[in-house]
């Protein structure tokens, strides 16, 4: 398919072509505005997440892209990674992943907001978070991180 040649019927006049170009430009502009809003939301969400992290968690996040939390009921350690799915790892005493977990708030939220919700849930109501979490195979991705 060639995009450099557009075959239009002869009845299409110049005003119609101009209108078509304006509409296409408006769609392209809206697309880029929407992408910009999405990036701004991601940046705000990550800034909020960083405000809620302890100094140790912030250092982990800045160095590795993930941080660890301690469950309020069991005392187990969990690693929260910046990923869309199965991003919470239950860890053993050697920091190896024993279970991959997936849970979070409903809706299409920036990843920083999802990670913050997961942190708050595990640190304040671990049992409720685990009750709704999907459990995955710990061998699907590397079981150890730096």
Protein backbone atom coordinates (compact mmCIF):
# COMPACT_ATOMS: atom_id res chain seq x y z
CA UNK A 1 0.00 0.00 0.00
CA UNK A 2 1.35 3.39 -0.94
CA UNK A 3 0.75 6.34 1.29
CA UNK A 4 2.28 8.98 -0.94
CA UNK A 5 -0.56 8.81 -3.46
CA UNK A 6 -4.19 9.24 -2.49
CA UNK A 7 -6.74 8.40 -5.13
CA UNK A 8 -9.78 10.55 -4.56
CA UNK A 9 -12.81 10.86 -6.81
CA UNK A 10 -12.77 13.94 -9.03
CA UNK A 11 -15.85 15.27 -7.22
CA UNK A 12 -13.77 15.92 -4.09
CA UNK A 13 -12.91 19.57 -4.15
CA UNK A 14 -10.23 21.64 -2.49
CA UNK A 15 -12.42 22.67 0.48
CA UNK A 16 -13.06 19.00 1.29
CA UNK A 17 -9.33 18.23 1.12
CA UNK A 18 -8.53 21.14 3.41
CA UNK A 19 -11.18 20.00 5.89
CA UNK A 20 -9.78 16.47 5.78
CA UNK A 21 -6.26 17.78 6.49
CA UNK A 22 -7.51 19.88 9.40
CA UNK A 23 -9.31 16.90 10.91
CA UNK A 24 -6.26 14.67 10.56
CA UNK A 25 -4.06 17.34 12.17
CA UNK A 26 -6.54 17.67 15.04
CA UNK A 27 -6.49 13.91 15.63
CA UNK A 28 -2.69 13.81 15.61
CA UNK A 29 -2.52 16.77 18.01
CA UNK A 30 -5.02 15.14 20.41
CA UNK A 31 -3.02 11.91 20.30
CA UNK A 32 0.14 13.73 21.40
CA UNK A 33 -1.72 15.71 24.06
CA UNK A 34 -3.11 12.46 25.50
CA UNK A 35 0.35 10.88 25.57
CA UNK A 36 1.70 13.97 27.31
CA UNK A 37 -1.06 13.80 29.96
CA UNK A 38 -0.24 10.14 30.53
CA UNK A 39 3.44 10.90 31.05
CA UNK A 40 2.60 13.73 33.43
CA UNK A 41 0.34 11.40 35.45
CA UNK A 42 3.13 8.79 35.63
CA UNK A 43 5.60 11.42 36.83
CA UNK A 44 3.20 12.68 39.52
CA UNK A 45 2.47 9.13 40.67
CA UNK A 46 6.17 8.28 40.97
CA UNK A 47 6.83 11.52 42.86
CA UNK A 48 4.05 10.65 45.33
CA UNK A 49 5.37 7.10 45.72
CA UNK A 50 8.85 8.40 46.53
CA UNK A 51 7.39 10.70 49.21
CA UNK A 52 5.81 7.69 50.92
CA UNK A 53 8.91 5.46 50.82
CA UNK A 54 11.18 5.18 53.83
CA UNK A 55 14.79 6.28 53.24
CA UNK A 56 15.84 2.61 52.88
CA UNK A 57 13.01 1.86 50.46
CA UNK A 58 13.77 4.97 48.43
CA UNK A 59 17.44 3.97 48.17
CA UNK A 60 16.40 0.49 46.99
CA UNK A 61 13.97 1.92 44.46
CA UNK A 62 16.48 4.40 43.06
CA UNK A 63 19.19 1.74 42.78
CA UNK A 64 17.18 -1.29 41.63
CA UNK A 65 13.75 -0.09 40.48
CA UNK A 66 12.04 -2.01 43.27
CA UNK A 67 11.73 -1.83 47.06
CA UNK A 68 10.89 -4.16 49.92
CA UNK A 69 8.12 -3.93 52.50
CA UNK A 70 7.34 -6.01 55.57
CA UNK A 71 3.90 -7.51 55.98
CA UNK A 72 2.15 -6.20 59.07
CA UNK A 73 0.70 -9.56 60.12
CA UNK A 74 3.27 -12.18 59.18
CA UNK A 75 6.48 -10.18 59.20
CA UNK A 76 7.27 -11.61 55.74
CA UNK A 77 9.21 -9.50 53.28
CA UNK A 78 7.78 -8.56 49.92
CA UNK A 79 9.49 -6.94 46.93
CA UNK A 80 7.39 -4.50 44.90
CA UNK A 81 8.62 -4.00 41.35
CA UNK A 82 7.60 -1.39 38.80
CA UNK A 83 5.72 -3.71 36.47
CA UNK A 84 2.12 -4.06 35.34
CA UNK A 85 1.51 -7.68 36.36
CA UNK A 86 2.76 -10.15 38.98
CA UNK A 87 4.97 -7.40 40.38
CA UNK A 88 4.91 -8.35 44.07
CA UNK A 89 7.31 -11.07 45.20
CA UNK A 90 7.09 -12.84 48.54
CA UNK A 91 10.70 -13.38 49.64
CA UNK A 92 12.43 -16.02 51.71
CA UNK A 93 15.29 -15.40 54.14
CA UNK A 94 17.78 -15.37 51.22
CA UNK A 95 15.77 -12.79 49.21
CA UNK A 96 14.69 -15.45 46.73
CA UNK A 97 11.16 -15.19 45.43
CA UNK A 98 8.90 -17.89 46.82
CA UNK A 99 5.61 -16.65 45.37
CA UNK A 100 4.70 -14.13 42.68
CA UNK A 101 1.64 -12.05 43.58
CA UNK A 102 -0.65 -9.77 41.62
CA UNK A 103 -3.10 -7.42 43.31
CA UNK A 104 -3.88 -3.75 43.26
CA UNK A 105 -6.53 -1.10 42.95
CA UNK A 106 -9.09 -1.20 40.16
CA UNK A 107 -8.75 1.05 37.16
CA UNK A 108 -6.12 2.10 34.69
CA UNK A 109 -3.76 3.84 37.10
CA UNK A 110 -0.14 4.95 36.74
CA UNK A 111 2.28 2.30 37.98
CA UNK A 112 3.50 4.56 40.80
CA UNK A 113 -0.02 4.73 42.22
CA UNK A 114 -0.39 0.94 41.96
CA UNK A 115 2.93 0.38 43.76
CA UNK A 116 1.95 2.83 46.51
CA UNK A 117 -1.39 1.08 47.01
CA UNK A 118 0.41 -2.28 47.23
CA UNK A 119 2.89 -0.90 49.78
CA UNK A 120 0.12 0.54 51.96
CA UNK A 121 -1.93 -2.67 51.72
CA UNK A 122 0.91 -4.98 52.74
CA UNK A 123 2.13 -2.74 55.55
CA UNK A 124 -1.35 -2.08 56.98
CA UNK A 125 -3.66 -4.97 56.03
CA UNK A 126 -1.49 -7.77 54.67
CA UNK A 127 -4.12 -10.49 55.11
CA UNK A 128 -6.75 -8.60 53.11
CA UNK A 129 -4.23 -7.94 50.32
CA UNK A 130 -3.22 -11.59 50.18
CA UNK A 131 -6.86 -12.68 50.19
CA UNK A 132 -7.48 -10.97 46.85
CA UNK A 133 -4.06 -11.56 45.30
CA UNK A 134 -3.52 -13.83 42.33
CA UNK A 135 -0.63 -16.21 42.96
CA UNK A 136 1.84 -17.15 40.27
CA UNK A 137 4.78 -19.41 39.59
CA UNK A 138 7.93 -18.01 41.21
CA UNK A 139 10.03 -19.60 38.47
CA UNK A 140 8.54 -17.55 35.60
CA UNK A 141 11.15 -14.85 36.05
CA UNK A 142 14.40 -14.62 38.02
CA UNK A 143 13.98 -15.51 41.69
CA UNK A 144 16.77 -13.28 42.97
CA UNK A 145 17.49 -9.62 42.57
CA UNK A 146 20.38 -7.49 43.72
